[in-house]
Amino acid sequence: MRRLLHTLRSVLLPEGDLATRSVRSGAWELGLNLGTRGLELVVLVVLARLLTPADFGLIGIALLTFGGVNRLTRLGLDEALIYNADEDVDRYLDTAWTLSVVRGCALGAFIFLVAPVVAGVFGEPRAADVIRGIALVPVITGLRNPAALYFVKELQFHRQFVYRFSGSFVDFGVALAFALAFRSVWALVFGYLAGEATRLLASYLLHSYRPALRPDRALATEMLGYGKWITANNGLAFLLGKGDDVFVGWYLSATALGLYQVAFRTASAPATEVTKTISNVLFSTYAKLQGDDAALRRTFVRTMQLVSVVSFPMAVGIVVVAPAFIEGVLGPQWLPATGAMQLLAVYGLLVSLTAAFHQIWKALGRPDYVTRVGTVRLVALALVIVPATAAFGITGTAAAVAGVYVFVALPVDLFLMHRLIGVGPRRLAAEVAVPFTASVGMAATTLLVRASVAGVPAVVELVLLVAVGGASYAVLLVGLDRRFSWGLRGNLRVVSGAFGRSG
């Protein structure tokens, strides 16, 4: 037993050289995202059967209010300290915590006071109380142990897993129990609050540092100097990621917002699971590779290969199985979300593939690139979202979001990557060609199966499509890798090797 525990420790703990720690940390982060997403999906399916799209619209309005205020005022303190070349940043933590506490209390009070105004803007008076319930969240998060940033800075993602997943698990349990007992939208509110409170407790249990209200003006100025771009980027990220939700809720209705948000949460799996892993792990990794352009390029290219292996089949699979999934799992009342879900799956694919771009920019001290590209994208979206939504409802909104990313943001992203580290569109296309081709073959196979099983129950159809799609993709991917020597086996050896080396 002692030998087994030692083996598990050496395999799972993010120790060793930078490459080994990055891969192991990525595994922990991917496990966190998959586990969290799985719990969210269970709650989503249960509540979709118990509540209406309008009920989902109410909690959507509350979370948009919190998310908007939170993103637009985020100070970027954690990012500034992770970017800091010093391994020990303890001297900054009391100042960071003081700023966080003050900000959290101010945000909570502001959200509580503006709740009736926001509810009036959306034409949903019932949303006011839900918004006020969510107002406790920034107060709780502001009190977290600032030393939790070391989990990311030092690539200790086993601790980050416990820290984050503990809250997700409690959120899941409370929300599910309350939903089954009362069939109320408050299930999501109480679950959210319980999850954040659990993370607050975990942050102090997992790290021994104890902060105090001892701000230092010079240190605050230093952190905020870097964080100003993070603040701007987060504001843009909210407007780009949630601006469409705000528009749908205001322009259409709370019911339309509920449909759109469920479509987005389901279709954004590649962006959520893959992008979060990339963002949390690679920012720390790239920051440690500052000054080594060759290592940056190698790491970036390998990342694109691994991400594309997962992102392409997930996105294409969602497009194919969306009708069966909605009818068989969520229920027929959610069928109007089908077209939006399929388009947003394409958007999620693009976001997951380009996530590493933005992490390189931030790690190389150019977070302004993210801001500039986001601004261009936001302006383009503002020009097309109104006519698209007016013509096609939430499907038009999803088409506007995906289209702007394809025709506006992506070309600029590719140009900047070539300019910054010398990796151009042709090289990137070569790195994703094999999983793209395998995914197209998978789609063709599953569509043939779907045509041949027409008339069977939706749940049966969904199971068949997922099984056939997964198997066909695996066969095609392996075959294409052997035929064109794409490098899949080499990448898998790198990953397995990282788990085979002891710290």
Protein backbone atom coordinates (compact mmCIF):
# COMPACT_ATOMS: atom_id res chain seq x y z
CA MET A 1 0.00 0.00 0.00
CA ARG A 2 2.84 2.40 0.85
CA ARG A 3 4.47 1.65 -2.51
CA LEU A 4 1.15 2.25 -4.29
CA LEU A 5 0.64 5.58 -2.55
CA HIS A 6 4.20 6.64 -3.41
CA THR A 7 3.60 5.72 -7.06
CA LEU A 8 0.34 7.66 -7.19
CA ARG A 9 2.01 10.66 -5.59
CA SER A 10 4.90 10.66 -8.07
CA VAL A 11 2.56 10.26 -11.02
CA LEU A 12 -0.11 12.79 -10.06
CA LEU A 13 1.71 15.59 -8.27
CA PRO A 14 2.87 18.41 -10.58
CA GLU A 15 6.59 18.01 -9.88
CA GLY A 16 9.68 17.66 -12.05
CA ASP A 17 10.81 19.88 -14.92
CA LEU A 18 8.59 22.54 -16.49
CA ALA A 19 7.25 20.28 -19.25
CA THR A 20 6.35 17.52 -16.79
CA ARG A 21 4.67 19.93 -14.40
CA SER A 22 2.74 21.58 -17.23
CA VAL A 23 1.37 18.27 -18.55
CA ARG A 24 0.43 16.99 -15.10
CA SER A 25 -1.14 20.33 -14.22
CA GLY A 26 -3.07 20.22 -17.46
CA ALA A 27 -4.41 16.79 -16.55
CA TRP A 28 -5.59 18.07 -13.17
CA GLU A 29 -7.16 21.14 -14.74
CA LEU A 30 -8.88 19.09 -17.43
CA GLY A 31 -10.20 16.75 -14.74
CA LEU A 32 -11.50 19.76 -12.85
CA ASN A 33 -13.26 21.19 -15.87
CA LEU A 34 -14.73 17.85 -16.93
CA GLY A 35 -15.90 17.07 -13.40
CA THR A 36 -17.40 20.51 -12.91
CA ARG A 37 -19.04 20.43 -16.32
CA GLY A 38 -20.47 16.99 -15.61
CA LEU A 39 -22.06 18.16 -12.37
CA GLU A 40 -23.44 21.27 -14.08
CA LEU A 41 -24.89 19.14 -16.86
CA VAL A 42 -26.72 16.89 -14.39
CA VAL A 43 -28.26 19.90 -12.64
CA LEU A 44 -29.08 21.48 -16.01
CA VAL A 45 -30.88 18.34 -17.24
CA VAL A 46 -32.85 17.94 -14.00
CA LEU A 47 -33.88 21.59 -13.87
CA ALA A 48 -34.70 21.65 -17.59
CA ARG A 49 -37.33 19.02 -16.83
CA LEU A 50 -38.64 20.83 -13.72
CA LEU A 51 -38.47 24.49 -14.75
CA THR A 52 -39.42 26.53 -17.82
CA PRO A 53 -37.17 28.53 -20.14
CA ALA A 54 -38.56 31.68 -18.46
CA ASP A 55 -37.31 30.43 -15.06
CA PHE A 56 -33.85 29.93 -16.54
CA GLY A 57 -34.12 33.45 -17.90
CA LEU A 58 -34.56 34.83 -14.36
CA ILE A 59 -31.37 33.27 -13.02
CA GLY A 60 -29.72 34.27 -16.28
CA ILE A 61 -30.55 37.93 -15.64
CA ALA A 62 -29.13 37.68 -12.10
CA LEU A 63 -25.90 36.05 -13.24
CA LEU A 64 -25.51 38.55 -16.07
CA THR A 65 -25.83 41.39 -13.55
CA PHE A 66 -23.19 39.88 -11.28
CA GLY A 67 -20.96 38.84 -14.18
CA GLY A 68 -21.07 42.25 -15.79
CA VAL A 69 -20.24 44.19 -12.63
CA ASN A 70 -17.59 41.63 -11.64
CA ARG A 71 -15.83 41.54 -15.00
CA LEU A 72 -15.93 45.28 -15.58
CA THR A 73 -14.27 45.95 -12.21
CA ARG A 74 -11.85 43.03 -12.00
CA LEU A 75 -8.43 44.32 -10.96
CA GLY A 76 -6.24 41.60 -12.48
CA LEU A 77 -4.28 41.13 -9.24
CA ASP A 78 -3.79 37.38 -9.56
CA GLU A 79 -2.61 37.71 -13.16
CA ALA A 80 -0.17 40.45 -12.18
CA LEU A 81 1.39 38.27 -9.47
CA ILE A 82 1.52 35.17 -11.68
CA TYR A 83 3.27 37.24 -14.35
CA ASN A 84 5.69 38.57 -11.69
CA ALA A 85 9.06 36.86 -12.17
CA ASP A 86 9.56 36.45 -8.40
CA GLU A 87 8.66 33.01 -7.14
CA ASP A 88 7.75 34.39 -3.69
CA VAL A 89 5.15 37.17 -3.85
CA ASP A 90 4.07 37.07 -0.21
CA ARG A 91 4.87 40.75 0.29
CA TYR A 92 2.09 41.63 -2.17
CA LEU A 93 -0.62 39.44 -0.66
CA ASP A 94 -1.91 41.68 2.14
CA THR A 95 -2.31 44.55 -0.31
CA ALA A 96 -4.02 42.28 -2.83
CA TRP A 97 -6.39 40.93 -0.17
CA THR A 98 -7.27 44.42 1.08
CA LEU A 99 -8.14 45.55 -2.43
CA SER A 100 -10.15 42.37 -2.97
CA VAL A 101 -12.16 42.74 0.25
CA VAL A 102 -13.00 46.40 -0.40
CA ARG A 103 -13.98 45.65 -3.97
CA GLY A 104 -16.13 42.64 -2.99
CA CYS A 105 -18.12 44.56 -0.38
CA ALA A 106 -18.62 47.50 -2.73
CA LEU A 107 -19.83 45.24 -5.54
CA GLY A 108 -22.23 43.38 -3.27
CA ALA A 109 -23.80 46.62 -2.06
CA PHE A 110 -24.03 48.00 -5.60
CA ILE A 111 -25.70 44.88 -7.01
CA PHE A 112 -28.22 44.81 -4.14
CA LEU A 113 -29.18 48.44 -4.72
CA VAL A 114 -29.52 48.28 -8.52
CA ALA A 115 -31.49 44.99 -8.55
CA PRO A 116 -34.92 46.63 -9.10
CA VAL A 117 -33.51 48.85 -11.85
CA VAL A 118 -31.98 45.90 -13.71
CA ALA A 119 -35.20 43.89 -13.35
CA GLY A 120 -37.11 46.81 -14.84
CA VAL A 121 -34.73 47.09 -17.79
CA PHE A 122 -35.36 43.43 -18.64
CA GLY A 123 -39.09 43.74 -17.97
CA GLU A 124 -38.97 40.98 -15.32
CA PRO A 125 -39.89 42.29 -11.81
CA ARG A 126 -39.43 38.78 -10.37
CA ALA A 127 -35.72 38.97 -11.15
CA ALA A 128 -35.06 41.65 -8.49
CA ASP A 129 -35.05 39.24 -5.53
CA VAL A 130 -32.93 36.72 -7.41
CA ILE A 131 -30.37 39.43 -8.21
CA ARG A 132 -30.25 40.44 -4.56
CA GLY A 133 -29.55 36.84 -3.59
CA ILE A 134 -26.60 36.74 -5.99
CA ALA A 135 -25.28 40.01 -4.47
CA LEU A 136 -23.68 37.99 -1.67
CA VAL A 137 -21.30 36.28 -4.10
CA PRO A 138 -18.73 39.10 -4.54
CA VAL A 139 -18.61 39.61 -0.77
CA ILE A 140 -17.73 35.93 -0.27
CA THR A 141 -15.18 35.77 -3.09
CA GLY A 142 -13.51 38.97 -1.91
CA LEU A 143 -12.61 37.28 1.39
CA ARG A 144 -10.77 34.32 -0.15
CA ASN A 145 -7.18 33.62 0.77
CA PRO A 146 -5.02 35.56 -1.73
CA ALA A 147 -2.30 32.90 -1.46
CA ALA A 148 -4.54 30.59 -3.52
CA LEU A 149 -2.90 32.17 -6.58
CA TYR A 150 0.19 30.05 -5.79
CA PHE A 151 -1.79 27.00 -6.94
CA VAL A 152 -1.58 28.40 -10.47
CA LYS A 153 1.71 30.31 -10.25
CA GLU A 154 3.62 27.24 -9.04
CA LEU A 155 1.62 24.81 -11.23
CA GLN A 156 0.19 23.09 -8.12
CA PHE A 157 -2.99 22.14 -9.89
CA HIS A 158 -3.71 19.23 -7.57
CA ARG A 159 -4.43 21.88 -4.94
CA GLN A 160 -6.30 23.98 -7.47
CA PHE A 161 -8.43 20.93 -8.23
CA VAL A 162 -9.44 20.49 -4.59
CA TYR A 163 -9.98 24.22 -4.17
CA ARG A 164 -12.24 24.60 -7.19
CA PHE A 165 -13.98 21.22 -7.29
CA SER A 166 -14.98 21.27 -3.63
CA GLY A 167 -17.14 24.29 -4.38
CA SER A 168 -18.55 22.73 -7.54
CA PHE A 169 -19.49 19.56 -5.69
CA VAL A 170 -21.30 21.44 -2.90
CA ASP A 171 -23.00 23.67 -5.47
CA PHE A 172 -24.20 20.53 -7.27
CA GLY A 173 -25.53 18.87 -4.10
CA VAL A 174 -27.36 21.91 -2.75
CA ALA A 175 -28.85 22.91 -6.11
CA LEU A 176 -30.02 19.38 -6.92
CA ALA A 177 -31.54 18.77 -3.47
CA PHE A 178 -33.35 22.11 -3.47
CA ALA A 179 -34.59 21.64 -7.04
CA LEU A 180 -36.07 18.22 -6.32
CA ALA A 181 -37.68 19.44 -3.11
CA PHE A 182 -39.11 22.79 -4.22
CA ARG A 183 -38.90 23.01 -8.04
CA SER A 184 -37.78 26.61 -7.79
CA VAL A 185 -35.27 28.81 -9.58
CA TRP A 186 -33.79 29.52 -6.12
CA ALA A 187 -32.15 26.10 -6.31
CA LEU A 188 -29.50 27.63 -8.57
CA VAL A 189 -29.04 30.66 -6.31
CA PHE A 190 -28.56 28.66 -3.11
CA GLY A 191 -26.28 26.20 -4.88
CA TYR A 192 -24.13 29.02 -6.21
CA LEU A 193 -23.81 30.65 -2.79
CA ALA A 194 -22.99 27.35 -1.08
CA GLY A 195 -20.32 26.58 -3.65
CA GLU A 196 -18.60 29.95 -3.23
CA ALA A 197 -18.68 29.66 0.56
CA THR A 198 -17.04 26.23 0.29
CA ARG A 199 -14.24 27.63 -1.87
CA LEU A 200 -13.71 30.40 0.67
CA LEU A 201 -13.18 27.80 3.39
CA ALA A 202 -10.99 25.62 1.14
CA SER A 203 -8.69 28.53 0.28
CA TYR A 204 -7.66 28.78 3.94
CA LEU A 205 -7.47 25.05 4.54
CA LEU A 206 -5.17 24.49 1.55
CA HIS A 207 -2.66 27.27 2.25
CA SER A 208 -1.21 28.42 5.56
CA TYR A 209 -0.91 32.10 4.67
CA ARG A 210 -3.22 34.36 6.70
CA PRO A 211 -3.81 37.81 5.18
CA ALA A 212 -4.38 41.08 7.00
CA LEU A 213 -5.73 44.49 6.03
CA ARG A 214 -2.29 46.06 5.48
CA PRO A 215 -2.31 47.85 2.12
CA ASP A 216 0.83 49.26 0.56
CA ARG A 217 0.31 52.05 -1.97
CA ALA A 218 3.45 51.33 -3.99
CA LEU A 219 2.69 47.63 -4.29
CA ALA A 220 -0.92 48.35 -5.21
CA THR A 221 0.23 50.73 -7.96
CA GLU A 222 2.61 48.10 -9.33
CA MET A 223 -0.06 45.38 -9.46
CA LEU A 224 -2.72 47.65 -10.90
CA GLY A 225 -0.28 48.88 -13.55
CA TYR A 226 -0.23 45.39 -15.08
CA GLY A 227 -3.80 44.62 -14.07
CA LYS A 228 -5.29 47.58 -15.94
CA TRP A 229 -5.05 45.61 -19.18
CA ILE A 230 -6.57 42.57 -17.48
CA THR A 231 -9.42 44.79 -16.28
CA ALA A 232 -9.97 46.05 -19.81
CA ASN A 233 -9.71 42.53 -21.22
CA ASN A 234 -12.22 41.18 -18.71
CA GLY A 235 -14.64 43.96 -19.51
CA LEU A 236 -14.35 43.15 -23.19
CA ALA A 237 -14.59 39.43 -22.46
CA PHE A 238 -17.88 40.01 -20.67
CA LEU A 239 -19.29 42.13 -23.46
CA LEU A 240 -18.17 39.61 -26.08
CA GLY A 241 -19.09 36.52 -24.07
CA LYS A 242 -22.27 37.76 -22.42
CA GLY A 243 -23.25 40.83 -24.40
CA ASP A 244 -25.31 38.62 -26.69
CA ASP A 245 -27.12 37.21 -23.62
CA VAL A 246 -27.89 40.73 -22.38
CA PHE A 247 -29.16 41.71 -25.81
CA VAL A 248 -31.38 38.63 -26.14
CA GLY A 249 -32.91 39.15 -22.68
CA TRP A 250 -33.57 42.83 -23.36
CA TYR A 251 -34.53 42.70 -27.05
CA LEU A 252 -36.54 39.47 -27.01
CA SER A 253 -37.65 38.07 -23.61
CA ALA A 254 -36.58 36.15 -20.52
CA THR A 255 -37.86 32.98 -22.19
CA ALA A 256 -35.62 33.60 -25.20
CA LEU A 257 -32.71 34.28 -22.82
CA GLY A 258 -33.31 30.95 -21.05
CA LEU A 259 -33.31 29.10 -24.38
CA TYR A 260 -30.18 30.90 -25.58
CA GLN A 261 -28.22 30.37 -22.38
CA VAL A 262 -29.00 26.66 -22.22
CA ALA A 263 -27.92 26.36 -25.86
CA PHE A 264 -24.70 28.21 -25.11
CA ARG A 265 -23.87 26.21 -21.95
CA THR A 266 -24.39 22.95 -23.80
CA ALA A 267 -22.66 23.91 -27.03
CA SER A 268 -19.65 25.63 -25.51
CA ALA A 269 -18.14 22.39 -24.21
CA PRO A 270 -14.94 22.73 -26.29
CA ALA A 271 -14.48 26.33 -25.18
CA THR A 272 -15.25 25.53 -21.53
CA GLU A 273 -13.34 22.30 -21.03
CA VAL A 274 -10.36 22.91 -23.30
CA THR A 275 -10.04 26.67 -23.07
CA LYS A 276 -10.12 26.82 -19.27
CA THR A 277 -7.41 24.19 -19.11
CA ILE A 278 -5.26 26.11 -21.57
CA SER A 279 -5.86 29.47 -19.92
CA ASN A 280 -5.03 28.34 -16.40
CA VAL A 281 -2.02 26.16 -17.20
CA LEU A 282 -0.38 27.76 -20.23
CA PHE A 283 -0.32 31.31 -18.90
CA SER A 284 1.96 30.11 -16.09
CA THR A 285 3.98 27.92 -18.47
CA TYR A 286 4.47 30.62 -21.10
CA ALA A 287 5.38 33.17 -18.44
CA LYS A 288 8.24 30.89 -17.36
CA LEU A 289 9.45 30.63 -20.99
CA GLN A 290 9.87 34.38 -21.49
CA GLY A 291 12.97 35.01 -23.59
CA ASP A 292 13.07 31.54 -25.20
CA ASP A 293 11.24 32.03 -28.52
CA ALA A 294 12.05 28.57 -29.85
CA ALA A 295 10.63 26.87 -26.75
CA LEU A 296 7.54 29.06 -26.98
CA ARG A 297 6.93 28.04 -30.58
CA ARG A 298 7.41 24.33 -29.83
CA THR A 299 5.06 24.48 -26.86
CA PHE A 300 2.48 26.44 -28.81
CA VAL A 301 2.47 24.08 -31.80
CA ARG A 302 2.21 21.00 -29.58
CA THR A 303 -0.64 22.65 -27.71
CA MET A 304 -2.53 23.29 -30.94
CA GLN A 305 -2.17 19.65 -31.94
CA LEU A 306 -3.48 18.33 -28.64
CA VAL A 307 -6.32 20.83 -28.42
CA SER A 308 -7.52 20.15 -31.95
CA VAL A 309 -7.69 16.40 -31.24
CA VAL A 310 -10.33 17.10 -28.59
CA SER A 311 -12.06 20.25 -29.84
CA PHE A 312 -12.93 19.21 -33.38
CA PRO A 313 -14.85 16.01 -32.56
CA MET A 314 -16.62 17.67 -29.62
CA ALA A 315 -17.86 20.58 -31.71
CA VAL A 316 -18.79 18.50 -34.75
CA GLY A 317 -20.46 15.94 -32.50
CA ILE A 318 -22.63 18.60 -30.86
CA VAL A 319 -23.75 19.86 -34.27
CA VAL A 320 -24.82 16.35 -35.31
CA VAL A 321 -26.51 15.17 -32.10
CA ALA A 322 -28.11 18.47 -31.02
CA PRO A 323 -31.68 17.60 -32.13
CA ALA A 324 -31.62 14.19 -30.44
CA PHE A 325 -29.99 15.58 -27.29
CA ILE A 326 -32.52 18.37 -26.88
CA GLU A 327 -35.59 16.22 -27.51
CA GLY A 328 -34.42 13.18 -25.56
CA VAL A 329 -32.60 14.80 -22.62
CA LEU A 330 -33.80 18.37 -22.09
CA GLY A 331 -37.35 17.95 -23.36
CA PRO A 332 -39.36 19.18 -26.35
CA GLN A 333 -39.92 22.65 -24.83
CA TRP A 334 -36.24 23.36 -25.57
CA LEU A 335 -36.34 22.46 -29.29
CA PRO A 336 -36.35 26.14 -30.41
CA ALA A 337 -32.74 26.28 -29.16
CA THR A 338 -31.50 23.67 -31.68
CA GLY A 339 -30.17 26.01 -34.38
CA ALA A 340 -28.47 28.29 -31.85
CA MET A 341 -26.82 25.30 -30.17
CA GLN A 342 -25.35 24.08 -33.46
CA LEU A 343 -23.96 27.48 -34.42
CA LEU A 344 -22.55 28.09 -30.95
CA ALA A 345 -20.75 24.75 -31.14
CA VAL A 346 -18.78 26.14 -34.09
CA TYR A 347 -18.03 29.27 -32.08
CA GLY A 348 -16.87 27.14 -29.13
CA LEU A 349 -14.50 25.27 -31.43
CA LEU A 350 -12.85 28.47 -32.62
CA VAL A 351 -12.52 29.84 -29.10
CA SER A 352 -10.87 26.65 -27.88
CA LEU A 353 -8.38 26.64 -30.76
CA THR A 354 -7.36 30.28 -30.29
CA ALA A 355 -7.24 30.28 -26.48
CA ALA A 356 -3.48 29.68 -26.49
CA PHE A 357 -2.98 32.79 -28.64
CA HIS A 358 -4.16 35.12 -25.91
CA GLN A 359 -2.15 33.37 -23.20
CA ILE A 360 1.05 33.90 -25.19
CA TRP A 361 0.25 37.58 -25.61
CA LYS A 362 -0.30 38.04 -21.88
CA ALA A 363 2.74 35.98 -20.92
CA LEU A 364 4.95 38.08 -23.22
CA GLY A 365 3.71 41.29 -21.66
CA ARG A 366 1.29 42.22 -24.46
CA PRO A 367 -2.17 41.87 -22.86
CA ASP A 368 -3.09 44.98 -24.87
CA TYR A 369 -3.31 42.72 -27.95
CA VAL A 370 -6.28 40.94 -26.36
CA THR A 371 -7.92 44.29 -25.69
CA ARG A 372 -7.37 45.61 -29.20
CA VAL A 373 -8.65 42.49 -30.96
CA GLY A 374 -11.62 42.31 -28.60
CA THR A 375 -12.53 45.92 -29.35
CA VAL A 376 -12.59 45.28 -33.09
CA ARG A 377 -14.69 42.17 -32.56
CA LEU A 378 -17.14 44.00 -30.28
CA VAL A 379 -17.71 46.78 -32.80
CA ALA A 380 -18.34 44.25 -35.57
CA LEU A 381 -20.79 42.30 -33.40
CA ALA A 382 -22.70 45.46 -32.49
CA LEU A 383 -23.21 46.15 -36.21
CA VAL A 384 -24.72 42.77 -37.10
CA ILE A 385 -26.45 41.41 -34.00
CA VAL A 386 -29.60 43.56 -34.23
CA PRO A 387 -30.59 42.73 -37.84
CA ALA A 388 -29.62 39.06 -37.40
CA THR A 389 -31.71 38.67 -34.24
CA ALA A 390 -34.62 40.62 -35.70
CA ALA A 391 -34.69 38.28 -38.69
CA PHE A 392 -34.00 34.89 -37.09
CA GLY A 393 -34.40 35.20 -33.32
CA ILE A 394 -31.83 33.48 -31.11
CA THR A 395 -30.54 31.50 -34.11
CA GLY A 396 -29.66 34.82 -35.74
CA THR A 397 -27.90 35.94 -32.56
CA ALA A 398 -25.78 32.79 -32.56
CA ALA A 399 -25.00 33.26 -36.26
CA ALA A 400 -23.81 36.81 -35.58
CA VAL A 401 -21.55 35.69 -32.73
CA ALA A 402 -19.99 32.85 -34.73
CA GLY A 403 -19.72 34.85 -37.97
CA VAL A 404 -17.90 37.78 -36.39
CA TYR A 405 -15.38 35.40 -34.84
CA VAL A 406 -14.74 33.65 -38.16
CA PHE A 407 -14.53 36.68 -40.44
CA VAL A 408 -13.18 39.39 -38.11
CA ALA A 409 -11.39 38.12 -35.01
CA LEU A 410 -9.72 35.00 -36.40
CA PRO A 411 -7.80 36.73 -39.24
CA VAL A 412 -6.46 39.34 -36.82
CA ASP A 413 -5.49 36.64 -34.30
CA LEU A 414 -3.57 34.75 -36.97
CA PHE A 415 -1.75 37.87 -38.15
CA LEU A 416 -0.64 38.79 -34.63
CA MET A 417 0.58 35.27 -33.84
CA HIS A 418 2.71 35.26 -36.97
CA ARG A 419 4.08 38.68 -36.08
CA LEU A 420 4.82 37.83 -32.44
CA ILE A 421 6.31 34.31 -32.54
CA GLY A 422 6.59 33.51 -36.25
CA VAL A 423 3.85 30.84 -36.51
CA GLY A 424 1.62 31.60 -39.50
CA PRO A 425 -1.77 30.38 -40.78
CA ARG A 426 -0.26 27.75 -43.09
CA ARG A 427 1.65 26.11 -40.24
CA LEU A 428 -1.42 26.16 -38.00
CA ALA A 429 -3.61 24.66 -40.73
CA ALA A 430 -1.14 21.80 -41.09
CA GLU A 431 -1.26 21.12 -37.35
CA VAL A 432 -5.06 20.76 -37.25
CA ALA A 433 -5.64 19.12 -40.63
CA VAL A 434 -5.73 15.53 -39.36
CA PRO A 435 -8.31 15.96 -36.56
CA PHE A 436 -10.37 18.19 -38.85
CA THR A 437 -10.47 15.51 -41.54
CA ALA A 438 -11.24 12.78 -39.02
CA SER A 439 -14.08 14.88 -37.61
CA VAL A 440 -15.59 15.42 -41.06
CA GLY A 441 -15.49 11.65 -41.60
CA MET A 442 -17.08 11.13 -38.20
CA ALA A 443 -19.89 13.56 -39.10
CA ALA A 444 -20.59 11.77 -42.37
CA THR A 445 -20.75 8.40 -40.61
CA THR A 446 -23.08 9.60 -37.85
CA LEU A 447 -25.38 11.37 -40.31
CA LEU A 448 -25.77 8.10 -42.25
CA VAL A 449 -26.60 6.30 -39.00
CA ARG A 450 -29.08 9.01 -38.02
CA ALA A 451 -30.88 8.63 -41.36
CA SER A 452 -31.06 4.86 -40.95
CA VAL A 453 -32.53 4.94 -37.42
CA ALA A 454 -35.16 7.61 -38.03
CA GLY A 455 -38.21 7.03 -35.87
CA VAL A 456 -36.49 5.47 -32.86
CA PRO A 457 -36.79 7.23 -29.47
CA ALA A 458 -34.58 10.29 -29.20
CA VAL A 459 -32.58 8.90 -26.28
CA VAL A 460 -31.79 5.70 -28.20
CA GLU A 461 -30.78 7.73 -31.23
CA LEU A 462 -28.50 9.89 -29.08
CA VAL A 463 -26.71 6.88 -27.56
CA LEU A 464 -26.20 5.30 -30.99
CA LEU A 465 -24.87 8.50 -32.53
CA VAL A 466 -22.41 9.13 -29.70
CA ALA A 467 -21.12 5.54 -29.80
CA VAL A 468 -20.76 5.43 -33.58
CA GLY A 469 -19.24 8.92 -33.70
CA GLY A 470 -16.65 8.19 -31.03
CA ALA A 471 -15.60 4.92 -32.60
CA SER A 472 -15.39 6.28 -36.15
CA TYR A 473 -13.37 9.29 -35.04
CA ALA A 474 -10.86 7.16 -33.18
CA VAL A 475 -10.37 4.84 -36.16
CA LEU A 476 -10.02 7.70 -38.64
CA LEU A 477 -7.66 9.66 -36.41
CA VAL A 478 -5.29 6.74 -35.88
CA GLY A 479 -5.37 5.83 -39.57
CA LEU A 480 -4.65 9.39 -40.73
CA ASP A 481 -1.89 9.80 -38.17
CA ARG A 482 -0.13 6.68 -39.46
CA ARG A 483 -0.62 7.68 -43.08
CA PHE A 484 0.68 11.24 -42.78
CA SER A 485 2.98 10.96 -39.72
CA TRP A 486 1.12 13.83 -38.11
CA GLY A 487 2.66 13.35 -34.67
CA LEU A 488 -0.21 12.07 -32.53
CA ARG A 489 1.80 9.20 -31.09
CA GLY A 490 4.70 11.52 -30.30
CA ASN A 491 2.42 13.88 -28.41
CA LEU A 492 0.86 11.00 -26.51
CA ARG A 493 4.34 9.79 -25.57
CA VAL A 494 5.15 13.23 -24.21
CA VAL A 495 1.99 13.18 -22.09
CA SER A 496 2.44 9.60 -20.88
CA GLY A 497 6.13 10.27 -20.25
CA ALA A 498 5.23 13.17 -18.00
CA PHE A 499 3.17 10.81 -15.86
CA GLY A 500 5.84 8.13 -15.97
CA ARG A 501 8.58 10.36 -14.53
CA SER A 502 8.74 10.73 -10.82
CA GLY A 503 9.18 14.15 -9.29
